[in-house]
């Protein structure tokens, strides 16, 4: 399941496809819902309604926006300002900004983005954990470490992963799939 969700997560992150319909977020989300539902229902033996709830929660876990946090403090201020002016907001900014202010981290810094990812994925992993086990919270808390490590390591570019973010999507998907097992 880890490899399947890994490929899906990269696909959901904007994998270039020759088929336009695969670029649709609706299609990408439907694929995730079906994958998780089938896994939970037929492999793990959950009831259909529990499998549907888990699939929905995993969808929310992945789909709540992280905006510039995932760039680990490397996103340009111009781009962030442009996106903020157009109405785009980072997920849970009300909480992230308060925690970062309390910790003394400067907005848009590497530390600020790390805390943003930690809160965003860590808190959204809790509802999934109610169904699949508390180990899933560990998976959610691993996400900021994965994204930051991919920016530090400098993996080679390939067709499937052209940037550190793409590599992080693959690794994150693998660990989330593993967490669902």
C-alpha atoms as a PDB file:
ATOM      1  CA  UNK A   1       0.000   0.000   0.000  1.00  0.00           C
ATOM      2  CA  UNK A   2       2.928   2.317   0.698  1.00  0.00           C
ATOM      3  CA  UNK A   3       4.113   2.199  -2.915  1.00  0.00           C
ATOM      4  CA  UNK A   4       0.601   2.684  -4.297  1.00  0.00           C
ATOM      5  CA  UNK A   5      -0.106   5.752  -2.148  1.00  0.00           C
ATOM      6  CA  UNK A   6       3.408   7.003  -2.902  1.00  0.00           C
ATOM      7  CA  UNK A   7       2.706   7.040  -6.630  1.00  0.00           C
ATOM      8  CA  UNK A   8      -0.757   8.514  -6.042  1.00  0.00           C
ATOM      9  CA  UNK A   9       0.682  11.309  -3.839  1.00  0.00           C
ATOM     10  CA  UNK A  10       3.134  12.252  -6.559  1.00  0.00           C
ATOM     11  CA  UNK A  11       0.258  12.160  -9.066  1.00  0.00           C
ATOM     12  CA  UNK A  12      -1.832  14.381  -6.739  1.00  0.00           C
ATOM     13  CA  UNK A  13       1.096  16.799  -6.454  1.00  0.00           C
ATOM     14  CA  UNK A  14       0.834  17.652 -10.136  1.00  0.00           C
ATOM     15  CA  UNK A  15       2.493  14.881 -12.124  1.00  0.00           C
ATOM     16  CA  UNK A  16       2.663  15.811 -15.804  1.00  0.00           C
ATOM     17  CA  UNK A  17       0.335  13.598 -17.768  1.00  0.00           C
ATOM     18  CA  UNK A  18      -0.354  13.211 -21.458  1.00  0.00           C
ATOM     19  CA  UNK A  19      -4.035  12.839 -20.585  1.00  0.00           C
ATOM     20  CA  UNK A  20      -5.745  16.090 -19.578  1.00  0.00           C
ATOM     21  CA  UNK A  21      -8.453  14.409 -17.509  1.00  0.00           C
ATOM     22  CA  UNK A  22      -5.772  13.042 -15.151  1.00  0.00           C
ATOM     23  CA  UNK A  23      -4.773  16.621 -14.278  1.00  0.00           C
ATOM     24  CA  UNK A  24      -8.201  17.216 -12.726  1.00  0.00           C
ATOM     25  CA  UNK A  25      -8.154  17.372  -8.924  1.00  0.00           C
ATOM     26  CA  UNK A  26     -11.549  15.696  -8.930  1.00  0.00           C
ATOM     27  CA  UNK A  27     -10.184  12.638 -10.735  1.00  0.00           C
ATOM     28  CA  UNK A  28      -7.103  12.576  -8.509  1.00  0.00           C
ATOM     29  CA  UNK A  29      -9.235  12.737  -5.352  1.00  0.00           C
ATOM     30  CA  UNK A  30     -11.605  10.057  -6.629  1.00  0.00           C
ATOM     31  CA  UNK A  31      -8.617   7.769  -7.247  1.00  0.00           C
ATOM     32  CA  UNK A  32      -7.444   8.258  -3.637  1.00  0.00           C
ATOM     33  CA  UNK A  33     -10.901   7.642  -2.202  1.00  0.00           C
ATOM     34  CA  UNK A  34     -11.286   4.425  -4.199  1.00  0.00           C
ATOM     35  CA  UNK A  35      -7.769   3.185  -3.343  1.00  0.00           C
ATOM     36  CA  UNK A  36      -8.130   3.742   0.391  1.00  0.00           C
ATOM     37  CA  UNK A  37     -11.723   2.461   0.482  1.00  0.00           C
ATOM     38  CA  UNK A  38     -10.794  -0.771  -1.301  1.00  0.00           C
ATOM     39  CA  UNK A  39      -7.731  -1.292   0.905  1.00  0.00           C
ATOM     40  CA  UNK A  40      -9.571  -0.701   4.166  1.00  0.00           C
ATOM     41  CA  UNK A  41     -12.661  -2.672   3.174  1.00  0.00           C
ATOM     42  CA  UNK A  42     -11.250  -5.695   1.373  1.00  0.00           C
ATOM     43  CA  UNK A  43      -7.701  -6.046   2.667  1.00  0.00           C
ATOM     44  CA  UNK A  44      -8.053  -4.890   6.269  1.00  0.00           C
ATOM     45  CA  UNK A  45     -11.657  -6.064   6.658  1.00  0.00           C
ATOM     46  CA  UNK A  46     -13.295  -2.874   7.910  1.00  0.00           C
ATOM     47  CA  UNK A  47     -17.017  -2.448   7.279  1.00  0.00           C
ATOM     48  CA  UNK A  48     -17.968  -0.442   4.192  1.00  0.00           C
ATOM     49  CA  UNK A  49     -18.999   2.600   6.225  1.00  0.00           C
ATOM     50  CA  UNK A  50     -15.803   2.617   8.313  1.00  0.00           C
ATOM     51  CA  UNK A  51     -13.763   2.242   5.112  1.00  0.00           C
ATOM     52  CA  UNK A  52     -15.629   5.174   3.591  1.00  0.00           C
ATOM     53  CA  UNK A  53     -14.965   7.329   6.668  1.00  0.00           C
ATOM     54  CA  UNK A  54     -11.260   6.422   6.649  1.00  0.00           C
ATOM     55  CA  UNK A  55     -11.009   7.212   2.927  1.00  0.00           C
ATOM     56  CA  UNK A  56     -12.682  10.582   3.519  1.00  0.00           C
ATOM     57  CA  UNK A  57     -10.370  11.408   6.422  1.00  0.00           C
ATOM     58  CA  UNK A  58      -7.266  10.467   4.424  1.00  0.00           C
ATOM     59  CA  UNK A  59      -8.556  12.697   1.614  1.00  0.00           C
ATOM     60  CA  UNK A  60      -8.886  15.611   4.077  1.00  0.00           C
ATOM     61  CA  UNK A  61      -5.443  14.783   5.491  1.00  0.00           C
ATOM     62  CA  UNK A  62      -3.919  15.245   2.033  1.00  0.00           C
ATOM     63  CA  UNK A  63      -6.126  17.970   0.611  1.00  0.00           C
ATOM     64  CA  UNK A  64      -5.989  20.695   3.250  1.00  0.00           C
ATOM     65  CA  UNK A  65      -3.566  23.187   1.732  1.00  0.00           C
ATOM     66  CA  UNK A  66      -0.082  23.761   3.025  1.00  0.00           C
ATOM     67  CA  UNK A  67       0.636  26.631   0.602  1.00  0.00           C
ATOM     68  CA  UNK A  68       4.240  27.785   1.079  1.00  0.00           C
ATOM     69  CA  UNK A  69       5.090  25.696   4.154  1.00  0.00           C
ATOM     70  CA  UNK A  70       6.126  22.743   1.995  1.00  0.00           C
ATOM     71  CA  UNK A  71       8.878  24.836   0.376  1.00  0.00           C
ATOM     72  CA  UNK A  72      10.698  24.835   3.743  1.00  0.00           C
ATOM     73  CA  UNK A  73      11.435  28.572   3.731  1.00  0.00           C
ATOM     74  CA  UNK A  74      12.688  28.672   0.133  1.00  0.00           C
ATOM     75  CA  UNK A  75       9.574  30.115  -1.568  1.00  0.00           C
ATOM     76  CA  UNK A  76      10.018  33.655  -2.904  1.00  0.00           C
ATOM     77  CA  UNK A  77       8.349  36.466  -0.984  1.00  0.00           C
ATOM     78  CA  UNK A  78       6.991  37.884  -4.247  1.00  0.00           C
ATOM     79  CA  UNK A  79       5.119  34.680  -5.038  1.00  0.00           C
ATOM     80  CA  UNK A  80       3.749  34.383  -1.497  1.00  0.00           C
ATOM     81  CA  UNK A  81       2.578  38.008  -1.535  1.00  0.00           C
ATOM     82  CA  UNK A  82       0.951  37.516  -4.935  1.00  0.00           C
ATOM     83  CA  UNK A  83      -0.898  34.403  -3.730  1.00  0.00           C
ATOM     84  CA  UNK A  84      -1.990  36.068  -0.479  1.00  0.00           C
ATOM     85  CA  UNK A  85      -3.325  39.037  -2.478  1.00  0.00           C
ATOM     86  CA  UNK A  86      -5.382  36.649  -4.610  1.00  0.00           C
ATOM     87  CA  UNK A  87      -7.005  35.240  -1.457  1.00  0.00           C
ATOM     88  CA  UNK A  88      -4.974  32.071  -0.935  1.00  0.00           C
ATOM     89  CA  UNK A  89      -4.166  31.337   2.697  1.00  0.00           C
ATOM     90  CA  UNK A  90      -1.996  28.685   4.337  1.00  0.00           C
ATOM     91  CA  UNK A  91      -3.912  26.015   6.226  1.00  0.00           C
ATOM     92  CA  UNK A  92      -4.466  26.686   9.918  1.00  0.00           C
ATOM     93  CA  UNK A  93      -2.586  29.987   9.714  1.00  0.00           C
ATOM     94  CA  UNK A  94      -4.454  31.239  12.786  1.00  0.00           C
ATOM     95  CA  UNK A  95      -2.764  28.502  14.860  1.00  0.00           C
ATOM     96  CA  UNK A  96       0.565  28.346  13.023  1.00  0.00           C
ATOM     97  CA  UNK A  97       1.179  32.077  13.378  1.00  0.00           C
ATOM     98  CA  UNK A  98       0.397  32.026  17.112  1.00  0.00           C
ATOM     99  CA  UNK A  99       2.624  29.040  17.847  1.00  0.00           C
ATOM    100  CA  UNK A 100       5.471  30.482  15.778  1.00  0.00           C
ATOM    101  CA  UNK A 101       5.118  33.864  17.468  1.00  0.00           C
ATOM    102  CA  UNK A 102       5.270  32.137  20.862  1.00  0.00           C
ATOM    103  CA  UNK A 103       8.385  30.203  19.745  1.00  0.00           C
ATOM    104  CA  UNK A 104       9.951  33.366  18.304  1.00  0.00           C
ATOM    105  CA  UNK A 105      10.240  32.171  14.696  1.00  0.00           C
ATOM    106  CA  UNK A 106      10.139  34.749  11.923  1.00  0.00           C
ATOM    107  CA  UNK A 107       7.319  34.416   9.386  1.00  0.00           C
ATOM    108  CA  UNK A 108       8.288  32.542   6.184  1.00  0.00           C
ATOM    109  CA  UNK A 109      11.521  31.232   7.732  1.00  0.00           C
ATOM    110  CA  UNK A 110      12.543  27.569   7.611  1.00  0.00           C
ATOM    111  CA  UNK A 111      11.534  27.128  11.243  1.00  0.00           C
ATOM    112  CA  UNK A 112       8.149  28.798  10.648  1.00  0.00           C
ATOM    113  CA  UNK A 113       7.445  26.496   7.696  1.00  0.00           C
ATOM    114  CA  UNK A 114       8.554  23.430   9.673  1.00  0.00           C
ATOM    115  CA  UNK A 115       6.134  24.258  12.499  1.00  0.00           C
ATOM    116  CA  UNK A 116       3.422  24.970   9.909  1.00  0.00           C
ATOM    117  CA  UNK A 117       3.829  21.520   8.370  1.00  0.00           C
ATOM    118  CA  UNK A 118       4.084  19.856  11.776  1.00  0.00           C
ATOM    119  CA  UNK A 119       0.834  21.394  13.004  1.00  0.00           C
ATOM    120  CA  UNK A 120      -0.994  20.974   9.721  1.00  0.00           C
ATOM    121  CA  UNK A 121      -0.171  17.291   9.161  1.00  0.00           C
ATOM    122  CA  UNK A 122       0.171  16.315  12.818  1.00  0.00           C
ATOM    123  CA  UNK A 123      -3.274  17.584  13.796  1.00  0.00           C
ATOM    124  CA  UNK A 124      -5.000  16.275  10.659  1.00  0.00           C
ATOM    125  CA  UNK A 125      -3.545  12.821  11.326  1.00  0.00           C
ATOM    126  CA  UNK A 126      -5.436  12.499  14.624  1.00  0.00           C
ATOM    127  CA  UNK A 127      -8.915  11.811  13.103  1.00  0.00           C
ATOM    128  CA  UNK A 128      -7.428   9.123  10.846  1.00  0.00           C
ATOM    129  CA  UNK A 129      -5.644   7.629  13.865  1.00  0.00           C
ATOM    130  CA  UNK A 130      -8.971   7.038  15.619  1.00  0.00           C
ATOM    131  CA  UNK A 131      -9.697   4.398  12.978  1.00  0.00           C
ATOM    132  CA  UNK A 132      -6.336   2.994  11.839  1.00  0.00           C
ATOM    133  CA  UNK A 133      -4.267   3.304  15.014  1.00  0.00           C
ATOM    134  CA  UNK A 134      -2.232   5.921  16.815  1.00  0.00           C
ATOM    135  CA  UNK A 135       0.871   5.113  14.821  1.00  0.00           C
ATOM    136  CA  UNK A 136      -0.703   7.279  12.107  1.00  0.00           C
ATOM    137  CA  UNK A 137      -0.006  10.387  14.241  1.00  0.00           C
ATOM    138  CA  UNK A 138       3.689   9.515  14.015  1.00  0.00           C
ATOM    139  CA  UNK A 139       3.298   9.362  10.233  1.00  0.00           C
ATOM    140  CA  UNK A 140       1.657  12.792  10.223  1.00  0.00           C
ATOM    141  CA  UNK A 141       4.431  14.237  12.365  1.00  0.00           C
ATOM    142  CA  UNK A 142       7.068  12.764  10.024  1.00  0.00           C
ATOM    143  CA  UNK A 143       5.904  14.920   7.093  1.00  0.00           C
ATOM    144  CA  UNK A 144       7.835  18.105   7.968  1.00  0.00           C
ATOM    145  CA  UNK A 145      10.992  16.069   8.512  1.00  0.00           C
ATOM    146  CA  UNK A 146      10.551  14.407   5.108  1.00  0.00           C
ATOM    147  CA  UNK A 147       9.994  17.700   3.269  1.00  0.00           C
ATOM    148  CA  UNK A 148      12.940  19.402   4.961  1.00  0.00           C
ATOM    149  CA  UNK A 149      15.239  16.421   4.410  1.00  0.00           C
ATOM    150  CA  UNK A 150      14.387  16.368   0.703  1.00  0.00           C
ATOM    151  CA  UNK A 151      15.399  20.029   0.430  1.00  0.00           C
ATOM    152  CA  UNK A 152      18.661  19.365   2.316  1.00  0.00           C
ATOM    153  CA  UNK A 153      19.731  16.176   0.536  1.00  0.00           C
ATOM    154  CA  UNK A 154      19.448  17.262  -3.098  1.00  0.00           C
ATOM    155  CA  UNK A 155      18.094  14.141  -4.804  1.00  0.00           C
ATOM    156  CA  UNK A 156      18.711  13.823  -8.549  1.00  0.00           C
ATOM    157  CA  UNK A 157      16.014  14.889 -10.994  1.00  0.00           C
ATOM    158  CA  UNK A 158      14.112  12.270 -12.920  1.00  0.00           C
ATOM    159  CA  UNK A 159      10.834  12.090 -14.837  1.00  0.00           C
ATOM    160  CA  UNK A 160       8.864  11.162 -11.736  1.00  0.00           C
ATOM    161  CA  UNK A 161      10.522  13.679  -9.402  1.00  0.00           C
ATOM    162  CA  UNK A 162      11.890  16.940 -10.801  1.00  0.00           C
ATOM    163  CA  UNK A 163      12.260  18.848  -7.525  1.00  0.00           C
ATOM    164  CA  UNK A 164      12.754  18.314  -3.779  1.00  0.00           C
ATOM    165  CA  UNK A 165       8.998  18.757  -3.338  1.00  0.00           C
ATOM    166  CA  UNK A 166       8.320  15.913  -5.776  1.00  0.00           C
ATOM    167  CA  UNK A 167      10.677  13.617  -3.856  1.00  0.00           C
ATOM    168  CA  UNK A 168       8.963  14.590  -0.603  1.00  0.00           C
ATOM    169  CA  UNK A 169       5.569  13.739  -2.136  1.00  0.00           C
ATOM    170  CA  UNK A 170       6.822  10.266  -3.008  1.00  0.00           C
ATOM    171  CA  UNK A 171       8.280   9.624   0.452  1.00  0.00           C
ATOM    172  CA  UNK A 172       5.282  11.113   2.252  1.00  0.00           C
ATOM    173  CA  UNK A 173       2.903   8.975   0.213  1.00  0.00           C
ATOM    174  CA  UNK A 174       4.930   5.875   1.042  1.00  0.00           C
ATOM    175  CA  UNK A 175       4.811   6.509   4.789  1.00  0.00           C
ATOM    176  CA  UNK A 176       1.113   7.391   4.752  1.00  0.00           C
ATOM    177  CA  UNK A 177       0.405   4.175   2.848  1.00  0.00           C
ATOM    178  CA  UNK A 178       2.518   2.301   5.363  1.00  0.00           C
ATOM    179  CA  UNK A 179       0.570   3.997   8.181  1.00  0.00           C
ATOM    180  CA  UNK A 180      -2.701   2.756   6.702  1.00  0.00           C
ATOM    181  CA  UNK A 181      -1.457  -0.835   6.825  1.00  0.00           C
END
